[in-house]
């Protein structure tokens, strides 16, 4: 089996997963979101309030990328940003009621995505694949 195209395969998998997510968002008539917002929403579903710095660290993205994604979420009415009253350099993010209302749909789409991705895999195959991908990530 040819294995030297693994990075291209992973990129294609990501593209298809993103397409699946967009299709599911459209079915639910959820607007203003793209798959790259998922990491931010996931963190905010877990933590009521988080700083931009911590958010960037948690989703492993640079601060400028997170800033752009957050601005889109704010324009769509899903997230609010407030300055720390004691230190103006720190901004905290939290979900609006509209953002919090996304959680059931977010969870459902995530479950469908994982179920679709692992269709036909045994538990052992799933574990082996994930361990291999983690090993590859650590190589970089």
N, C-alpha and C. Protein backbone atom coordinates (compact mmCIF):
# COMPACT_ATOMS: atom_id res chain seq x y z
N UNK A 1 0.84 -1.18 0.00
CA UNK A 1 0.00 0.00 0.00
C UNK A 1 0.89 1.24 0.00
N UNK A 2 0.57 2.17 -0.87
CA UNK A 2 1.30 3.44 -0.95
C UNK A 2 0.97 4.27 0.29
N UNK A 3 1.99 4.85 0.92
CA UNK A 3 1.75 5.63 2.16
C UNK A 3 2.32 7.04 2.10
N UNK A 4 3.08 7.38 1.05
CA UNK A 4 3.73 8.68 1.04
C UNK A 4 2.80 9.85 0.70
N UNK A 5 1.55 9.57 0.47
CA UNK A 5 0.57 10.63 0.20
C UNK A 5 -0.36 10.86 1.39
N UNK A 6 0.07 10.47 2.56
CA UNK A 6 -0.77 10.54 3.76
C UNK A 6 -1.20 11.98 4.07
N UNK A 7 -0.32 12.95 3.89
CA UNK A 7 -0.66 14.34 4.19
C UNK A 7 -1.75 14.82 3.22
N UNK A 8 -1.64 14.47 1.96
CA UNK A 8 -2.68 14.83 0.99
C UNK A 8 -4.01 14.18 1.35
N UNK A 9 -3.96 12.93 1.82
CA UNK A 9 -5.19 12.25 2.23
C UNK A 9 -5.83 12.94 3.43
N UNK A 10 -4.99 13.34 4.39
CA UNK A 10 -5.52 14.04 5.57
C UNK A 10 -6.14 15.36 5.16
N UNK A 11 -5.52 16.08 4.23
CA UNK A 11 -6.07 17.34 3.74
C UNK A 11 -7.42 17.12 3.05
N UNK A 12 -7.52 16.07 2.24
CA UNK A 12 -8.80 15.76 1.58
C UNK A 12 -9.87 15.38 2.59
N UNK A 13 -9.46 14.63 3.62
CA UNK A 13 -10.39 14.27 4.69
C UNK A 13 -10.92 15.52 5.38
N UNK A 14 -10.03 16.45 5.68
CA UNK A 14 -10.45 17.70 6.31
C UNK A 14 -11.44 18.44 5.42
N UNK A 15 -11.16 18.55 4.13
CA UNK A 15 -12.06 19.22 3.20
C UNK A 15 -13.44 18.57 3.20
N UNK A 16 -13.46 17.26 3.16
CA UNK A 16 -14.75 16.55 3.15
C UNK A 16 -15.49 16.70 4.47
N UNK A 17 -14.76 16.67 5.57
CA UNK A 17 -15.39 16.87 6.88
C UNK A 17 -15.98 18.27 6.97
N UNK A 18 -15.24 19.26 6.49
CA UNK A 18 -15.76 20.63 6.49
C UNK A 18 -17.01 20.73 5.62
N UNK A 19 -17.00 20.08 4.47
CA UNK A 19 -18.19 20.07 3.61
C UNK A 19 -19.38 19.44 4.32
N UNK A 20 -19.14 18.37 5.04
CA UNK A 20 -20.20 17.70 5.80
C UNK A 20 -20.77 18.65 6.86
N UNK A 21 -19.88 19.33 7.57
CA UNK A 21 -20.33 20.27 8.62
C UNK A 21 -21.16 21.39 8.01
N UNK A 22 -20.70 21.95 6.91
CA UNK A 22 -21.44 23.04 6.25
C UNK A 22 -22.81 22.56 5.81
N UNK A 23 -22.89 21.36 5.26
CA UNK A 23 -24.17 20.79 4.83
C UNK A 23 -25.12 20.67 6.03
N UNK A 24 -24.60 20.18 7.17
CA UNK A 24 -25.43 20.02 8.36
C UNK A 24 -25.87 21.37 8.92
N UNK A 25 -24.98 22.37 8.91
CA UNK A 25 -25.35 23.72 9.37
C UNK A 25 -26.46 24.28 8.48
N UNK A 26 -26.33 24.09 7.17
CA UNK A 26 -27.35 24.57 6.24
C UNK A 26 -28.70 23.89 6.48
N UNK A 27 -28.67 22.58 6.74
CA UNK A 27 -29.91 21.85 7.02
C UNK A 27 -30.64 22.45 8.23
N UNK A 28 -29.86 22.89 9.20
CA UNK A 28 -30.43 23.45 10.43
C UNK A 28 -30.64 24.96 10.32
N UNK A 29 -30.34 25.52 9.14
CA UNK A 29 -30.49 26.95 8.88
C UNK A 29 -29.69 27.80 9.86
N UNK A 30 -28.52 27.33 10.21
CA UNK A 30 -27.61 28.06 11.08
C UNK A 30 -26.69 28.89 10.19
N UNK A 31 -26.72 30.20 10.38
CA UNK A 31 -25.95 31.10 9.53
C UNK A 31 -24.82 31.76 10.32
N UNK A 32 -23.85 32.26 9.58
CA UNK A 32 -22.75 32.99 10.19
C UNK A 32 -21.67 32.12 10.78
N UNK A 33 -21.75 30.81 10.57
CA UNK A 33 -20.75 29.89 11.12
C UNK A 33 -20.05 29.14 10.00
N UNK A 34 -18.78 28.85 10.24
CA UNK A 34 -17.99 27.98 9.37
C UNK A 34 -17.32 26.94 10.27
N UNK A 35 -16.84 25.85 9.70
CA UNK A 35 -16.24 24.81 10.54
C UNK A 35 -15.12 25.30 11.46
N UNK A 36 -14.35 26.30 11.04
CA UNK A 36 -13.26 26.77 11.88
C UNK A 36 -13.74 27.48 13.15
N UNK A 37 -15.02 27.78 13.23
CA UNK A 37 -15.59 28.33 14.47
C UNK A 37 -15.82 27.25 15.53
N UNK A 38 -15.80 26.00 15.11
CA UNK A 38 -16.12 24.90 16.01
C UNK A 38 -15.24 24.82 17.24
N UNK A 39 -13.95 25.02 17.09
CA UNK A 39 -13.04 24.98 18.23
C UNK A 39 -13.35 26.04 19.26
N UNK A 40 -13.64 27.25 18.77
CA UNK A 40 -13.97 28.35 19.68
C UNK A 40 -15.26 28.05 20.42
N UNK A 41 -16.27 27.63 19.69
CA UNK A 41 -17.55 27.32 20.34
C UNK A 41 -17.39 26.18 21.34
N UNK A 42 -16.62 25.17 20.98
CA UNK A 42 -16.41 24.05 21.89
C UNK A 42 -15.81 24.50 23.21
N UNK A 43 -14.83 25.38 23.16
CA UNK A 43 -14.21 25.90 24.40
C UNK A 43 -15.23 26.70 25.19
N UNK A 44 -16.00 27.54 24.50
CA UNK A 44 -16.97 28.38 25.20
C UNK A 44 -18.17 27.60 25.74
N UNK A 45 -18.46 26.46 25.15
CA UNK A 45 -19.50 25.60 25.74
C UNK A 45 -19.02 25.01 27.06
N UNK A 46 -17.70 24.78 27.16
CA UNK A 46 -17.12 24.21 28.39
C UNK A 46 -16.90 25.26 29.47
N UNK A 47 -16.41 26.42 29.07
CA UNK A 47 -16.07 27.49 30.02
C UNK A 47 -16.95 28.70 29.73
N UNK A 48 -17.54 29.24 30.76
CA UNK A 48 -18.45 30.36 30.57
C UNK A 48 -17.75 31.61 30.05
N UNK A 49 -16.52 31.83 30.48
CA UNK A 49 -15.77 33.02 30.09
C UNK A 49 -14.31 32.62 29.91
N UNK A 50 -13.70 33.11 28.82
CA UNK A 50 -12.31 32.74 28.53
C UNK A 50 -11.60 33.93 27.88
N UNK A 51 -10.32 34.10 28.20
CA UNK A 51 -9.55 35.19 27.60
C UNK A 51 -9.16 34.79 26.18
N UNK A 52 -8.88 35.80 25.37
CA UNK A 52 -8.45 35.55 23.99
C UNK A 52 -7.16 34.73 24.00
N UNK A 53 -6.24 35.03 24.90
CA UNK A 53 -4.96 34.31 24.98
C UNK A 53 -5.19 32.83 25.27
N UNK A 54 -6.01 32.54 26.27
CA UNK A 54 -6.29 31.15 26.63
C UNK A 54 -7.01 30.44 25.48
N UNK A 55 -7.94 31.12 24.87
CA UNK A 55 -8.67 30.54 23.74
C UNK A 55 -7.70 30.15 22.62
N UNK A 56 -6.80 31.05 22.26
CA UNK A 56 -5.83 30.77 21.20
C UNK A 56 -4.98 29.55 21.56
N UNK A 57 -4.58 29.46 22.82
CA UNK A 57 -3.78 28.31 23.27
C UNK A 57 -4.59 27.02 23.20
N UNK A 58 -5.84 27.09 23.66
CA UNK A 58 -6.69 25.88 23.71
C UNK A 58 -6.98 25.31 22.32
N UNK A 59 -7.17 26.19 21.33
CA UNK A 59 -7.50 25.69 19.99
C UNK A 59 -6.27 25.63 19.08
N UNK A 60 -5.10 25.96 19.65
CA UNK A 60 -3.84 25.85 18.93
C UNK A 60 -3.82 26.68 17.64
N UNK A 61 -4.26 27.92 17.77
CA UNK A 61 -4.23 28.87 16.64
C UNK A 61 -3.55 30.14 17.10
N UNK A 62 -2.99 30.88 16.14
CA UNK A 62 -2.35 32.14 16.54
C UNK A 62 -3.43 33.18 16.85
N UNK A 63 -3.03 34.17 17.64
CA UNK A 63 -4.00 35.15 18.15
C UNK A 63 -4.69 35.92 17.03
N UNK A 64 -3.98 36.23 15.95
CA UNK A 64 -4.59 36.98 14.85
C UNK A 64 -5.70 36.18 14.18
N UNK A 65 -5.49 34.88 14.02
CA UNK A 65 -6.51 34.01 13.44
C UNK A 65 -7.74 33.95 14.35
N UNK A 66 -7.49 33.79 15.65
CA UNK A 66 -8.59 33.73 16.62
C UNK A 66 -9.36 35.05 16.62
N UNK A 67 -8.64 36.16 16.55
CA UNK A 67 -9.29 37.48 16.54
C UNK A 67 -10.25 37.59 15.36
N UNK A 68 -9.81 37.18 14.18
CA UNK A 68 -10.66 37.25 12.99
C UNK A 68 -11.89 36.35 13.13
N UNK A 69 -11.69 35.14 13.65
CA UNK A 69 -12.82 34.22 13.83
C UNK A 69 -13.81 34.76 14.86
N UNK A 70 -13.29 35.30 15.94
CA UNK A 70 -14.14 35.84 17.00
C UNK A 70 -14.95 37.03 16.49
N UNK A 71 -14.33 37.89 15.69
CA UNK A 71 -15.06 39.04 15.13
C UNK A 71 -16.28 38.58 14.32
N UNK A 72 -16.10 37.51 13.56
CA UNK A 72 -17.22 36.97 12.77
C UNK A 72 -18.31 36.43 13.70
N UNK A 73 -17.91 35.76 14.76
CA UNK A 73 -18.89 35.23 15.73
C UNK A 73 -19.62 36.37 16.43
N UNK A 74 -18.91 37.46 16.70
CA UNK A 74 -19.54 38.61 17.34
C UNK A 74 -20.54 39.26 16.39
N UNK A 75 -20.14 39.44 15.12
CA UNK A 75 -21.06 40.05 14.13
C UNK A 75 -22.32 39.21 13.96
N UNK A 76 -22.18 37.90 14.07
CA UNK A 76 -23.33 37.00 13.92
C UNK A 76 -24.18 36.93 15.19
N UNK A 77 -23.69 37.53 16.28
CA UNK A 77 -24.46 37.56 17.52
C UNK A 77 -24.29 36.36 18.42
N UNK A 78 -23.23 35.57 18.20
CA UNK A 78 -23.03 34.36 19.00
C UNK A 78 -22.11 34.58 20.21
N UNK A 79 -21.25 35.59 20.13
CA UNK A 79 -20.23 35.81 21.16
C UNK A 79 -20.16 37.29 21.50
N UNK A 80 -19.84 37.58 22.76
CA UNK A 80 -19.56 38.96 23.19
C UNK A 80 -18.16 39.00 23.78
N UNK A 81 -17.55 40.17 23.66
CA UNK A 81 -16.21 40.38 24.21
C UNK A 81 -16.28 41.53 25.20
N UNK A 82 -15.63 41.34 26.34
CA UNK A 82 -15.58 42.42 27.33
C UNK A 82 -14.16 42.55 27.86
N UNK A 83 -13.76 43.79 28.13
CA UNK A 83 -12.43 44.05 28.66
C UNK A 83 -12.41 43.74 30.16
N UNK A 84 -11.26 43.29 30.62
CA UNK A 84 -11.05 43.08 32.05
C UNK A 84 -11.04 44.46 32.71
N UNK A 85 -11.88 44.68 33.73
CA UNK A 85 -11.94 46.01 34.35
C UNK A 85 -10.62 46.42 35.03
N UNK A 86 -9.80 45.45 35.37
CA UNK A 86 -8.54 45.75 36.04
C UNK A 86 -7.35 45.82 35.08
N UNK A 87 -7.49 45.27 33.88
CA UNK A 87 -6.39 45.27 32.91
C UNK A 87 -6.97 45.33 31.50
N UNK A 88 -6.95 46.51 30.91
CA UNK A 88 -7.54 46.73 29.58
C UNK A 88 -6.90 45.91 28.47
N UNK A 89 -5.73 45.34 28.72
CA UNK A 89 -5.07 44.53 27.70
C UNK A 89 -5.73 43.16 27.56
N UNK A 90 -6.50 42.76 28.55
CA UNK A 90 -7.13 41.43 28.55
C UNK A 90 -8.59 41.55 28.15
N UNK A 91 -8.98 40.71 27.19
CA UNK A 91 -10.38 40.66 26.75
C UNK A 91 -10.92 39.26 27.01
N UNK A 92 -12.13 39.20 27.52
CA UNK A 92 -12.79 37.93 27.80
C UNK A 92 -13.94 37.72 26.83
N UNK A 93 -14.11 36.48 26.44
CA UNK A 93 -15.20 36.11 25.53
C UNK A 93 -16.19 35.25 26.27
N UNK A 94 -17.44 35.41 25.91
CA UNK A 94 -18.48 34.52 26.41
C UNK A 94 -19.57 34.42 25.35
N UNK A 95 -20.37 33.39 25.47
CA UNK A 95 -21.46 33.17 24.52
C UNK A 95 -22.65 34.04 24.88
N UNK A 96 -23.35 34.50 23.86
CA UNK A 96 -24.64 35.15 24.06
C UNK A 96 -25.68 34.03 24.22
N UNK A 97 -26.91 34.41 24.50
CA UNK A 97 -27.99 33.41 24.57
C UNK A 97 -28.12 32.69 23.22
N UNK A 98 -27.97 33.44 22.13
CA UNK A 98 -28.02 32.85 20.79
C UNK A 98 -26.89 31.84 20.60
N UNK A 99 -25.71 32.17 21.10
CA UNK A 99 -24.57 31.27 21.00
C UNK A 99 -24.76 30.03 21.85
N UNK A 100 -25.23 30.21 23.06
CA UNK A 100 -25.47 29.08 23.97
C UNK A 100 -26.52 28.14 23.38
N UNK A 101 -27.49 28.69 22.67
CA UNK A 101 -28.56 27.88 22.07
C UNK A 101 -28.03 26.96 20.96
N UNK A 102 -26.82 27.21 20.48
CA UNK A 102 -26.23 26.36 19.44
C UNK A 102 -25.76 25.01 19.95
N UNK A 103 -25.58 24.88 21.25
CA UNK A 103 -24.92 23.68 21.77
C UNK A 103 -25.60 22.37 21.37
N UNK A 104 -26.92 22.25 21.48
CA UNK A 104 -27.53 20.96 21.06
C UNK A 104 -27.25 20.63 19.59
N UNK A 105 -27.34 21.63 18.71
CA UNK A 105 -27.06 21.40 17.29
C UNK A 105 -25.58 21.08 17.09
N UNK A 106 -24.70 21.81 17.77
CA UNK A 106 -23.26 21.57 17.71
C UNK A 106 -22.95 20.13 18.12
N UNK A 107 -23.53 19.69 19.22
CA UNK A 107 -23.30 18.32 19.70
C UNK A 107 -23.81 17.29 18.70
N UNK A 108 -24.99 17.54 18.15
CA UNK A 108 -25.58 16.60 17.19
C UNK A 108 -24.73 16.50 15.91
N UNK A 109 -24.30 17.65 15.40
CA UNK A 109 -23.48 17.65 14.19
C UNK A 109 -22.15 16.95 14.47
N UNK A 110 -21.56 17.20 15.63
CA UNK A 110 -20.30 16.54 15.99
C UNK A 110 -20.46 15.04 16.06
N UNK A 111 -21.55 14.57 16.66
CA UNK A 111 -21.81 13.13 16.75
C UNK A 111 -21.98 12.52 15.36
N UNK A 112 -22.73 13.20 14.48
CA UNK A 112 -22.93 12.70 13.12
C UNK A 112 -21.61 12.66 12.36
N UNK A 113 -20.79 13.68 12.54
CA UNK A 113 -19.50 13.75 11.86
C UNK A 113 -18.61 12.57 12.26
N UNK A 114 -18.51 12.33 13.56
CA UNK A 114 -17.67 11.23 14.05
C UNK A 114 -18.23 9.88 13.60
N UNK A 115 -19.55 9.72 13.70
CA UNK A 115 -20.17 8.47 13.27
C UNK A 115 -19.90 8.20 11.79
N UNK A 116 -20.01 9.25 10.98
CA UNK A 116 -19.77 9.10 9.56
C UNK A 116 -18.30 8.79 9.27
N UNK A 117 -17.40 9.49 9.96
CA UNK A 117 -15.97 9.29 9.74
C UNK A 117 -15.53 7.87 10.09
N UNK A 118 -16.08 7.31 11.16
CA UNK A 118 -15.65 6.00 11.63
C UNK A 118 -16.57 4.86 11.20
N UNK A 119 -17.46 5.12 10.26
CA UNK A 119 -18.35 4.06 9.77
C UNK A 119 -17.53 2.89 9.25
N UNK A 120 -17.81 1.70 9.74
CA UNK A 120 -17.12 0.50 9.29
C UNK A 120 -15.81 0.22 10.02
N UNK A 121 -15.43 1.06 10.98
CA UNK A 121 -14.21 0.85 11.75
C UNK A 121 -14.50 0.06 13.01
N UNK A 122 -13.61 -0.85 13.35
CA UNK A 122 -13.69 -1.51 14.65
C UNK A 122 -13.11 -0.55 15.69
N UNK A 123 -13.37 -0.85 16.96
CA UNK A 123 -12.81 -0.02 18.04
C UNK A 123 -11.28 0.00 17.94
N UNK A 124 -10.69 -1.13 17.67
CA UNK A 124 -9.23 -1.25 17.56
C UNK A 124 -8.71 -0.40 16.40
N UNK A 125 -9.40 -0.44 15.27
CA UNK A 125 -8.97 0.36 14.11
C UNK A 125 -9.06 1.86 14.42
N UNK A 126 -10.11 2.25 15.11
CA UNK A 126 -10.26 3.66 15.51
C UNK A 126 -9.09 4.09 16.37
N UNK A 127 -8.78 3.27 17.38
CA UNK A 127 -7.70 3.60 18.31
C UNK A 127 -6.36 3.66 17.59
N UNK A 128 -6.12 2.71 16.70
CA UNK A 128 -4.86 2.67 15.96
C UNK A 128 -4.71 3.92 15.09
N UNK A 129 -5.78 4.30 14.41
CA UNK A 129 -5.74 5.48 13.56
C UNK A 129 -5.44 6.74 14.38
N UNK A 130 -6.16 6.92 15.47
CA UNK A 130 -5.96 8.11 16.29
C UNK A 130 -4.55 8.14 16.87
N UNK A 131 -4.06 7.01 17.36
CA UNK A 131 -2.69 6.95 17.89
C UNK A 131 -1.68 7.32 16.80
N UNK A 132 -1.90 6.83 15.60
CA UNK A 132 -0.99 7.14 14.50
C UNK A 132 -1.00 8.62 14.15
N UNK A 133 -2.17 9.22 14.11
CA UNK A 133 -2.25 10.65 13.79
C UNK A 133 -1.61 11.49 14.90
N UNK A 134 -1.83 11.13 16.14
CA UNK A 134 -1.19 11.84 17.25
C UNK A 134 0.33 11.72 17.14
N UNK A 135 0.81 10.54 16.80
CA UNK A 135 2.25 10.33 16.63
C UNK A 135 2.79 11.23 15.52
N UNK A 136 2.05 11.32 14.41
CA UNK A 136 2.48 12.18 13.30
C UNK A 136 2.50 13.64 13.75
N UNK A 137 1.47 14.09 14.45
CA UNK A 137 1.44 15.48 14.94
C UNK A 137 2.63 15.77 15.82
N UNK A 138 2.94 14.85 16.70
CA UNK A 138 4.08 15.04 17.61
C UNK A 138 5.40 15.07 16.86
N UNK A 139 5.46 14.45 15.70
CA UNK A 139 6.69 14.49 14.89
C UNK A 139 6.99 15.90 14.38
N UNK A 140 5.98 16.72 14.30
CA UNK A 140 6.17 18.10 13.83
C UNK A 140 6.37 19.04 15.00
